[in-house]
C-alpha atoms as a PDB file:
ATOM      1  CA  MET A   1      17.515  17.002  -7.261  1.00  0.00           C
ATOM      2  CA  THR A   2      18.436  14.171  -4.982  1.00  0.00           C
ATOM      3  CA  PHE A   3      18.696  13.601  -1.222  1.00  0.00           C
ATOM      4  CA  ARG A   4      20.132  10.136   0.120  1.00  0.00           C
ATOM      5  CA  ASN A   5      20.597   9.026  -3.358  1.00  0.00           C
ATOM      6  CA  ALA A   6      16.433   9.409  -4.024  1.00  0.00           C
ATOM      7  CA  ASP A   7      14.650  12.086  -5.914  1.00  0.00           C
ATOM      8  CA  VAL A   8      13.344  14.621  -3.054  1.00  0.00           C
ATOM      9  CA  ALA A   9       9.868  13.978  -4.329  1.00  0.00           C
ATOM     10  CA  ALA A  10      10.420  10.214  -3.257  1.00  0.00           C
ATOM     11  CA  THR A  11      11.803  11.267   0.171  1.00  0.00           C
ATOM     12  CA  VAL A  12       9.125  13.496   0.672  1.00  0.00           C
ATOM     13  CA  TYR A  13       6.652  11.080  -0.036  1.00  0.00           C
ATOM     14  CA  ALA A  14       8.894   8.738   1.980  1.00  0.00           C
ATOM     15  CA  ARG A  15       8.580  10.652   5.131  1.00  0.00           C
ATOM     16  CA  TRP A  16       4.612  11.666   4.975  1.00  0.00           C
ATOM     17  CA  ARG A  17       3.916   7.786   4.273  1.00  0.00           C
ATOM     18  CA  GLU A  18       6.154   6.302   7.318  1.00  0.00           C
ATOM     19  CA  ALA A  19       4.342   9.526   9.554  1.00  0.00           C
ATOM     20  CA  TRP A  20       0.967   8.314   8.872  1.00  0.00           C
ATOM     21  CA  ILE A  21       1.790   4.715   9.226  1.00  0.00           C
ATOM     22  CA  HIS A  22       3.956   5.010  12.511  1.00  0.00           C
ATOM     23  CA  MET A  23       1.113   7.211  14.274  1.00  0.00           C
ATOM     24  CA  ALA A  24      -1.094   4.039  13.813  1.00  0.00           C
ATOM     25  CA  ASP A  25       1.768   2.295  15.508  1.00  0.00           C
ATOM     26  CA  LEU A  26       2.342   4.447  18.255  1.00  0.00           C
ATOM     27  CA  ASP A  27      -1.377   4.353  19.214  1.00  0.00           C
ATOM     28  CA  LEU A  28      -1.313   8.345  19.050  1.00  0.00           C
ATOM     29  CA  GLY A  29      -5.390   8.388  18.359  1.00  0.00           C
ATOM     30  CA  VAL A  30      -4.332   7.378  14.412  1.00  0.00           C
ATOM     31  CA  ARG A  31      -6.056   4.425  12.914  1.00  0.00           C
ATOM     32  CA  PRO A  32      -5.684   3.413   9.156  1.00  0.00           C
ATOM     33  CA  GLU A  33      -8.969   4.143   8.874  1.00  0.00           C
ATOM     34  CA  ASP A  34      -8.390   7.834   9.542  1.00  0.00           C
ATOM     35  CA  TRP A  35      -5.671   7.758   6.805  1.00  0.00           C
ATOM     36  CA  PRO A  36      -6.385  10.469   4.165  1.00  0.00           C
ATOM     37  CA  ALA A  37      -7.490   8.561   0.709  1.00  0.00           C
ATOM     38  CA  GLU A  38      -4.965  10.267  -0.993  1.00  0.00           C
ATOM     39  CA  LEU A  39      -2.618   8.454   1.269  1.00  0.00           C
ATOM     40  CA  ALA A  40      -4.067   5.151   1.065  1.00  0.00           C
ATOM     41  CA  CYS A  41      -3.550   5.594  -2.522  1.00  0.00           C
ATOM     42  CA  HIS A  42      -0.108   6.590  -2.359  1.00  0.00           C
ATOM     43  CA  ALA A  43       0.675   3.695   0.266  1.00  0.00           C
ATOM     44  CA  ILE A  44      -0.837   1.085  -2.093  1.00  0.00           C
ATOM     45  CA  ASP A  45       0.915   2.532  -5.341  1.00  0.00           C
ATOM     46  CA  PHE A  46       4.531   1.915  -3.169  1.00  0.00           C
ATOM     47  CA  LEU A  47       3.228  -1.488  -1.488  1.00  0.00           C
ATOM     48  CA  LEU A  48       1.965  -3.333  -4.907  1.00  0.00           C
ATOM     49  CA  CYS A  49       5.153  -4.640  -5.252  1.00  0.00           C
ATOM     50  CA  ARG A  50       4.977  -6.673  -2.027  1.00  0.00           C
ATOM     51  CA  LEU A  51       1.950  -9.021  -3.841  1.00  0.00           C
ATOM     52  CA  PRO A  52       2.886 -12.002  -6.571  1.00  0.00           C
ATOM     53  CA  ALA A  53       2.610 -11.209 -10.075  1.00  0.00           C
ATOM     54  CA  GLY A  54      -0.672 -11.061 -11.832  1.00  0.00           C
ATOM     55  CA  THR A  55      -2.399  -9.910  -8.606  1.00  0.00           C
ATOM     56  CA  GLY A  56      -5.188  -7.331  -9.250  1.00  0.00           C
ATOM     57  CA  VAL A  57      -6.262  -4.909  -6.176  1.00  0.00           C
ATOM     58  CA  ARG A  58      -9.606  -3.103  -6.260  1.00  0.00           C
ATOM     59  CA  ALA A  59     -10.772  -0.391  -4.020  1.00  0.00           C
ATOM     60  CA  GLU A  60     -14.869  -0.483  -3.577  1.00  0.00           C
ATOM     61  CA  ASP A  61     -14.899   2.753  -1.759  1.00  0.00           C
ATOM     62  CA  VAL A  62     -13.084   5.055  -4.518  1.00  0.00           C
ATOM     63  CA  PRO A  63     -12.492   4.434  -8.382  1.00  0.00           C
ATOM     64  CA  ARG A  64      -9.180   2.872  -8.109  1.00  0.00           C
ATOM     65  CA  GLU A  65      -7.675  -0.108  -9.290  1.00  0.00           C
ATOM     66  CA  TRP A  66      -3.728  -1.752  -9.318  1.00  0.00           C
ATOM     67  CA  SER A  67      -2.112  -4.491 -10.734  1.00  0.00           C
ATOM     68  CA  VAL A  68       1.117  -6.293 -10.787  1.00  0.00           C
ATOM     69  CA  GLY A  69       1.619  -7.176 -14.010  1.00  0.00           C
ATOM     70  CA  ASP A  70      -1.164  -9.099 -16.256  1.00  0.00           C
ATOM     71  CA  ARG A  71      -3.877  -9.779 -13.737  1.00  0.00           C
ATOM     72  CA  THR A  72      -3.835 -13.478 -14.556  1.00  0.00           C
ATOM     73  CA  GLY A  73      -3.980 -14.483 -10.780  1.00  0.00           C
ATOM     74  CA  THR A  74      -6.257 -12.948  -7.534  1.00  0.00           C
ATOM     75  CA  THR A  75      -8.052 -10.097  -7.289  1.00  0.00           C
ATOM     76  CA  VAL A  76      -8.237  -8.239  -3.750  1.00  0.00           C
ATOM     77  CA  THR A  77     -11.019  -5.794  -2.908  1.00  0.00           C
ATOM     78  CA  GLY A  78     -11.486  -3.846  -0.206  1.00  0.00           C
ATOM     79  CA  ARG A  79     -11.807  -0.350   1.044  1.00  0.00           C
ATOM     80  CA  VAL A  80      -8.595   1.977  -0.110  1.00  0.00           C
ATOM     81  CA  ARG A  81      -7.805   2.421   3.611  1.00  0.00           C
ATOM     82  CA  ASP A  82      -8.208  -1.139   4.522  1.00  0.00           C
ATOM     83  CA  LEU A  83      -6.257  -2.561   1.513  1.00  0.00           C
ATOM     84  CA  ALA A  84      -3.373   0.244   2.455  1.00  0.00           C
ATOM     85  CA  ALA A  85      -3.253  -1.117   5.884  1.00  0.00           C
ATOM     86  CA  TRP A  86      -3.119  -4.838   4.577  1.00  0.00           C
ATOM     87  CA  LEU A  87      -0.430  -4.210   2.135  1.00  0.00           C
ATOM     88  CA  ALA A  88       1.539  -2.059   5.062  1.00  0.00           C
ATOM     89  CA  GLY A  89       1.306  -5.109   7.473  1.00  0.00           C
ATOM     90  CA  ARG A  90      -0.807  -3.357   9.609  1.00  0.00           C
ATOM     91  CA  THR A  91      -4.554  -4.635  11.124  1.00  0.00           C
ATOM     92  CA  PRO A  92      -7.437  -3.098   8.523  1.00  0.00           C
ATOM     93  CA  ALA A  93     -10.650  -2.138  10.119  1.00  0.00           C
ATOM     94  CA  THR A  94     -12.212  -4.563   7.680  1.00  0.00           C
ATOM     95  CA  SER A  95      -9.827  -7.239   6.132  1.00  0.00           C
ATOM     96  CA  PRO A  96      -9.943  -7.232   2.401  1.00  0.00           C
ATOM     97  CA  VAL A  97     -11.056 -10.488   0.320  1.00  0.00           C
ATOM     98  CA  ALA A  98     -10.143 -12.108  -2.557  1.00  0.00           C
ATOM     99  CA  ALA A  99     -11.886 -15.303  -4.038  1.00  0.00           C
ATOM    100  CA  GLU A 100      -8.570 -17.954  -3.382  1.00  0.00           C
ATOM    101  CA  GLY A 101      -7.937 -16.115  -0.248  1.00  0.00           C
ATOM    102  CA  LEU A 102      -5.168 -13.334   0.217  1.00  0.00           C
ATOM    103  CA  PRO A 103      -2.172 -13.562  -1.358  1.00  0.00           C
ATOM    104  CA  ALA A 104       1.101 -13.673   1.133  1.00  0.00           C
ATOM    105  CA  LEU A 105       2.792 -10.837   1.431  1.00  0.00           C
ATOM    106  CA  GLY A 106       6.757 -10.367   0.221  1.00  0.00           C
ATOM    107  CA  PRO A 107       8.986  -7.600   1.757  1.00  0.00           C
ATOM    108  CA  TRP A 108       8.602  -4.046   2.368  1.00  0.00           C
ATOM    109  CA  PRO A 109      10.048  -2.246  -0.784  1.00  0.00           C
ATOM    110  CA  PRO A 110      13.740  -0.555  -0.464  1.00  0.00           C
ATOM    111  CA  HIS A 111      14.026   3.360   0.126  1.00  0.00           C
ATOM    112  CA  PRO A 112      15.173   4.663  -2.118  1.00  0.00           C
ATOM    113  CA  PRO A 113      12.986   2.868  -4.524  1.00  0.00           C
ATOM    114  CA  GLN A 114      14.496   0.201  -6.963  1.00  0.00           C
ATOM    115  CA  GLY A 115      13.456   0.012 -10.583  1.00  0.00           C
ATOM    116  CA  ARG A 116      10.323  -2.310 -11.148  1.00  0.00           C
ATOM    117  CA  GLY A 117      11.291  -4.714 -13.890  1.00  0.00           C
END
């Protein structure tokens, strides 16, 4: 089943993600550190394509790691909510770190999601 050229699940996840992110933007008493861990992991999954190829991402507070390709580049570490906030272009409670410095973020991914080649 589709809605606006995406499967319904992608649309539901987009609304869930956008609601939480924009609640922080609108100063409604919700900060990135208040986001559910599951949302933060989902946001990282969605926003990972903003990172250069070879970049690794490792959460220090949940047992999760992500990578863009073969992990030949830098590894960014931090708490899962801080990683998600940073990838979303928001201010994390504590900035993630990387030995070579944080990589520049690319553009926000399109909705519906495009194939990742």
